[in-house]
C-alpha atoms as a PDB file:
ATOM      1  CA  UNK A   1      55.416 104.897  86.784  1.00  0.00           C
ATOM      2  CA  UNK A   2      56.791 106.580  89.830  1.00  0.00           C
ATOM      3  CA  UNK A   3      58.340 104.972  92.813  1.00  0.00           C
ATOM      4  CA  UNK A   4      56.908 105.725  96.213  1.00  0.00           C
ATOM      5  CA  UNK A   5      59.263 105.643  99.158  1.00  0.00           C
ATOM      6  CA  UNK A   6      58.185 103.272 101.858  1.00  0.00           C
ATOM      7  CA  UNK A   7      57.877 105.104 105.148  1.00  0.00           C
ATOM      8  CA  UNK A   8      59.611 103.604 108.119  1.00  0.00           C
ATOM      9  CA  UNK A   9      57.327 102.852 111.021  1.00  0.00           C
ATOM     10  CA  UNK A  10      57.946 101.391 114.416  1.00  0.00           C
ATOM     11  CA  UNK A  11      60.153 102.239 117.369  1.00  0.00           C
ATOM     12  CA  UNK A  12      63.326 100.841 115.769  1.00  0.00           C
ATOM     13  CA  UNK A  13      63.030 103.146 112.773  1.00  0.00           C
ATOM     14  CA  UNK A  14      62.320 106.156 114.988  1.00  0.00           C
ATOM     15  CA  UNK A  15      65.262 105.391 117.247  1.00  0.00           C
ATOM     16  CA  UNK A  16      67.546 104.947 114.240  1.00  0.00           C
ATOM     17  CA  UNK A  17      66.333 108.158 112.647  1.00  0.00           C
ATOM     18  CA  UNK A  18      66.777 110.326 115.741  1.00  0.00           C
ATOM     19  CA  UNK A  19      70.289 109.201 116.667  1.00  0.00           C
ATOM     20  CA  UNK A  20      72.347 107.531 113.937  1.00  0.00           C
ATOM     21  CA  UNK A  21      74.788 106.083 116.477  1.00  0.00           C
ATOM     22  CA  UNK A  22      74.704 102.564 117.801  1.00  0.00           C
ATOM     23  CA  UNK A  23      74.963 101.895 121.510  1.00  0.00           C
ATOM     24  CA  UNK A  24      77.980 100.309 123.175  1.00  0.00           C
ATOM     25  CA  UNK A  25      76.096  97.035 123.675  1.00  0.00           C
ATOM     26  CA  UNK A  26      75.138  96.880 119.993  1.00  0.00           C
ATOM     27  CA  UNK A  27      78.783  97.383 119.020  1.00  0.00           C
ATOM     28  CA  UNK A  28      79.889  94.482 121.247  1.00  0.00           C
ATOM     29  CA  UNK A  29      77.998  92.024 119.022  1.00  0.00           C
ATOM     30  CA  UNK A  30      80.575  92.392 116.215  1.00  0.00           C
ATOM     31  CA  UNK A  31      83.706  91.851 118.316  1.00  0.00           C
ATOM     32  CA  UNK A  32      86.489  89.483 117.310  1.00  0.00           C
ATOM     33  CA  UNK A  33      87.375  86.637 119.677  1.00  0.00           C
ATOM     34  CA  UNK A  34      90.874  88.108 120.212  1.00  0.00           C
ATOM     35  CA  UNK A  35      89.622  91.524 121.391  1.00  0.00           C
ATOM     36  CA  UNK A  36      91.051  91.356 124.919  1.00  0.00           C
ATOM     37  CA  UNK A  37      91.539  93.539 126.969  1.00  0.00           C
ATOM     38  CA  UNK A  38      88.416  95.431 125.965  1.00  0.00           C
ATOM     39  CA  UNK A  39      87.830  99.010 127.101  1.00  0.00           C
ATOM     40  CA  UNK A  40      84.735  99.784 129.119  1.00  0.00           C
ATOM     41  CA  UNK A  41      82.241 102.351 127.864  1.00  0.00           C
ATOM     42  CA  UNK A  42      83.780 105.021 130.121  1.00  0.00           C
ATOM     43  CA  UNK A  43      87.365 104.252 129.104  1.00  0.00           C
ATOM     44  CA  UNK A  44      86.348 104.175 125.438  1.00  0.00           C
ATOM     45  CA  UNK A  45      85.023 107.733 125.719  1.00  0.00           C
ATOM     46  CA  UNK A  46      88.217 108.874 127.458  1.00  0.00           C
ATOM     47  CA  UNK A  47      90.317 107.312 124.715  1.00  0.00           C
ATOM     48  CA  UNK A  48      88.264 109.042 121.999  1.00  0.00           C
ATOM     49  CA  UNK A  49      88.796 112.399 123.753  1.00  0.00           C
ATOM     50  CA  UNK A  50      92.521 111.753 124.087  1.00  0.00           C
ATOM     51  CA  UNK A  51      92.731 110.786 120.392  1.00  0.00           C
ATOM     52  CA  UNK A  52      90.929 113.980 119.368  1.00  0.00           C
ATOM     53  CA  UNK A  53      93.415 116.065 121.394  1.00  0.00           C
ATOM     54  CA  UNK A  54      96.353 114.124 119.930  1.00  0.00           C
ATOM     55  CA  UNK A  55      95.108 114.734 116.377  1.00  0.00           C
ATOM     56  CA  UNK A  56      95.192 118.497 116.984  1.00  0.00           C
ATOM     57  CA  UNK A  57      98.858 118.192 118.018  1.00  0.00           C
ATOM     58  CA  UNK A  58      99.638 115.684 115.221  1.00  0.00           C
ATOM     59  CA  UNK A  59     100.723 113.076 117.771  1.00  0.00           C
ATOM     60  CA  UNK A  60      99.016 109.957 116.394  1.00  0.00           C
ATOM     61  CA  UNK A  61      99.992 107.137 114.095  1.00  0.00           C
ATOM     62  CA  UNK A  62      97.115 105.685 112.075  1.00  0.00           C
ATOM     63  CA  UNK A  63      96.870 102.401 110.195  1.00  0.00           C
ATOM     64  CA  UNK A  64      98.569  99.027 110.510  1.00  0.00           C
ATOM     65  CA  UNK A  65     101.597  99.759 108.305  1.00  0.00           C
ATOM     66  CA  UNK A  66     102.408 103.126 109.874  1.00  0.00           C
ATOM     67  CA  UNK A  67     101.924 101.919 113.456  1.00  0.00           C
ATOM     68  CA  UNK A  68     103.984  98.786 112.837  1.00  0.00           C
ATOM     69  CA  UNK A  69     106.814 100.827 111.323  1.00  0.00           C
ATOM     70  CA  UNK A  70     107.039 103.193 114.290  1.00  0.00           C
ATOM     71  CA  UNK A  71     106.711 100.420 116.887  1.00  0.00           C
ATOM     72  CA  UNK A  72     109.684  98.732 115.227  1.00  0.00           C
ATOM     73  CA  UNK A  73     111.584 102.042 115.446  1.00  0.00           C
ATOM     74  CA  UNK A  74     110.933 102.128 119.213  1.00  0.00           C
ATOM     75  CA  UNK A  75     108.267 104.831 119.472  1.00  0.00           C
ATOM     76  CA  UNK A  76     106.206 104.840 122.685  1.00  0.00           C
ATOM     77  CA  UNK A  77     102.466 105.398 123.158  1.00  0.00           C
ATOM     78  CA  UNK A  78      99.113 103.728 123.729  1.00  0.00           C
ATOM     79  CA  UNK A  79      97.992 101.338 120.993  1.00  0.00           C
ATOM     80  CA  UNK A  80      94.217 101.479 120.395  1.00  0.00           C
ATOM     81  CA  UNK A  81      92.865  98.618 118.266  1.00  0.00           C
ATOM     82  CA  UNK A  82      89.366  98.225 116.823  1.00  0.00           C
ATOM     83  CA  UNK A  83      87.697  95.011 117.939  1.00  0.00           C
ATOM     84  CA  UNK A  84      85.438  94.622 114.894  1.00  0.00           C
ATOM     85  CA  UNK A  85      88.150  94.416 112.216  1.00  0.00           C
ATOM     86  CA  UNK A  86      87.852  91.519 109.796  1.00  0.00           C
ATOM     87  CA  UNK A  87      89.810  89.499 108.836  1.00  0.00           C
ATOM     88  CA  UNK A  88      91.686  89.215 112.127  1.00  0.00           C
ATOM     89  CA  UNK A  89      94.931  88.418 110.310  1.00  0.00           C
ATOM     90  CA  UNK A  90      95.194  92.071 109.258  1.00  0.00           C
ATOM     91  CA  UNK A  91      96.393  93.140 112.698  1.00  0.00           C
ATOM     92  CA  UNK A  92      96.664  90.090 114.971  1.00  0.00           C
ATOM     93  CA  UNK A  93     100.477  90.455 115.133  1.00  0.00           C
ATOM     94  CA  UNK A  94     100.326  93.933 116.727  1.00  0.00           C
ATOM     95  CA  UNK A  95      99.417  92.862 120.305  1.00  0.00           C
ATOM     96  CA  UNK A  96     102.386  90.456 120.278  1.00  0.00           C
ATOM     97  CA  UNK A  97     104.663  93.294 119.154  1.00  0.00           C
ATOM     98  CA  UNK A  98     103.302  95.481 121.957  1.00  0.00           C
ATOM     99  CA  UNK A  99     103.874  92.796 124.587  1.00  0.00           C
ATOM    100  CA  UNK A 100     107.460  92.275 123.372  1.00  0.00           C
ATOM    101  CA  UNK A 101     108.167  96.005 123.685  1.00  0.00           C
ATOM    102  CA  UNK A 102     106.138  96.545 126.874  1.00  0.00           C
ATOM    103  CA  UNK A 103     103.689  98.933 125.147  1.00  0.00           C
ATOM    104  CA  UNK A 104     100.146  99.224 126.501  1.00  0.00           C
ATOM    105  CA  UNK A 105      97.342  98.269 124.118  1.00  0.00           C
ATOM    106  CA  UNK A 106      93.549  98.164 124.357  1.00  0.00           C
ATOM    107  CA  UNK A 107      90.658  97.151 122.129  1.00  0.00           C
ATOM    108  CA  UNK A 108      87.616  99.313 121.531  1.00  0.00           C
ATOM    109  CA  UNK A 109      84.394  98.069 119.881  1.00  0.00           C
ATOM    110  CA  UNK A 110      84.203 100.061 116.627  1.00  0.00           C
ATOM    111  CA  UNK A 111      86.664 100.871 113.829  1.00  0.00           C
ATOM    112  CA  UNK A 112      84.207 103.439 112.443  1.00  0.00           C
ATOM    113  CA  UNK A 113      84.171 105.369 115.721  1.00  0.00           C
ATOM    114  CA  UNK A 114      87.952 105.082 115.978  1.00  0.00           C
ATOM    115  CA  UNK A 115      88.356 106.629 112.538  1.00  0.00           C
ATOM    116  CA  UNK A 116      85.866 109.370 113.385  1.00  0.00           C
ATOM    117  CA  UNK A 117      87.747 110.220 116.592  1.00  0.00           C
ATOM    118  CA  UNK A 118      90.900 110.610 114.486  1.00  0.00           C
ATOM    119  CA  UNK A 119      89.086 113.064 112.221  1.00  0.00           C
ATOM    120  CA  UNK A 120      88.753 110.710 109.274  1.00  0.00           C
ATOM    121  CA  UNK A 121      85.725 109.631 107.263  1.00  0.00           C
ATOM    122  CA  UNK A 122      87.348 106.210 106.778  1.00  0.00           C
ATOM    123  CA  UNK A 123      87.295 103.488 109.438  1.00  0.00           C
ATOM    124  CA  UNK A 124      90.646 102.841 111.105  1.00  0.00           C
ATOM    125  CA  UNK A 125      91.626  99.548 112.713  1.00  0.00           C
ATOM    126  CA  UNK A 126      94.597 100.770 114.775  1.00  0.00           C
ATOM    127  CA  UNK A 127      95.879 104.065 116.174  1.00  0.00           C
ATOM    128  CA  UNK A 128      98.871 104.818 118.349  1.00  0.00           C
ATOM    129  CA  UNK A 129      98.522 107.843 120.629  1.00  0.00           C
ATOM    130  CA  UNK A 130     101.852 109.412 121.544  1.00  0.00           C
ATOM    131  CA  UNK A 131     102.365 111.470 124.729  1.00  0.00           C
ATOM    132  CA  UNK A 132     102.483 115.279 124.487  1.00  0.00           C
ATOM    133  CA  UNK A 133     102.469 118.075 127.086  1.00  0.00           C
ATOM    134  CA  UNK A 134      99.257 119.659 125.714  1.00  0.00           C
ATOM    135  CA  UNK A 135      97.092 116.685 126.751  1.00  0.00           C
ATOM    136  CA  UNK A 136      99.442 114.944 129.213  1.00  0.00           C
ATOM    137  CA  UNK A 137      96.796 114.712 131.964  1.00  0.00           C
ATOM    138  CA  UNK A 138      94.259 112.938 129.730  1.00  0.00           C
ATOM    139  CA  UNK A 139      96.999 110.690 128.319  1.00  0.00           C
ATOM    140  CA  UNK A 140      98.252 109.695 131.791  1.00  0.00           C
ATOM    141  CA  UNK A 141      94.708 108.935 132.948  1.00  0.00           C
ATOM    142  CA  UNK A 142      94.087 106.664 129.937  1.00  0.00           C
ATOM    143  CA  UNK A 143      97.504 105.022 130.341  1.00  0.00           C
ATOM    144  CA  UNK A 144      96.845 104.272 134.000  1.00  0.00           C
ATOM    145  CA  UNK A 145      93.465 102.676 133.261  1.00  0.00           C
ATOM    146  CA  UNK A 146      94.811 100.643 130.327  1.00  0.00           C
ATOM    147  CA  UNK A 147      97.673  99.274 132.443  1.00  0.00           C
ATOM    148  CA  UNK A 148      95.255  98.445 135.284  1.00  0.00           C
ATOM    149  CA  UNK A 149      93.253  96.069 133.069  1.00  0.00           C
ATOM    150  CA  UNK A 150      94.122  92.383 133.335  1.00  0.00           C
ATOM    151  CA  UNK A 151      96.334  91.080 130.518  1.00  0.00           C
ATOM    152  CA  UNK A 152      94.831  88.619 128.020  1.00  0.00           C
ATOM    153  CA  UNK A 153      95.444  84.902 128.529  1.00  0.00           C
END
């Protein structure tokens, strides 16, 4: 007996087949209740571009343990957190650390996209982007927009 693959029909299957990415609105469904301030679609794209430039210069910190260690040492940068990380307890202490040290932080909708922007196949729940002269303009633009967002309650 041979197995016959079931063919996918319908507009959902065609849309999924042509572009494997989910839209910004679809990603917002999986957000944690603490994901505030949340980056807009435009700011999210700018942050991804800035992260990609920072990776080339080796100016990022990736992962909860590494980011926490360097925040405690006094390193400066923009903290980018994934809003769909579960359980929340994994990284819920990081925004408090940022507020204590006056570091800007922002949530984006997807940990998978955050990991991909950092050049990794694995999802990443937090990245710190450090300033560097090679991408200073993009960094300053992101920093300005992140600081302009209203702080969480």
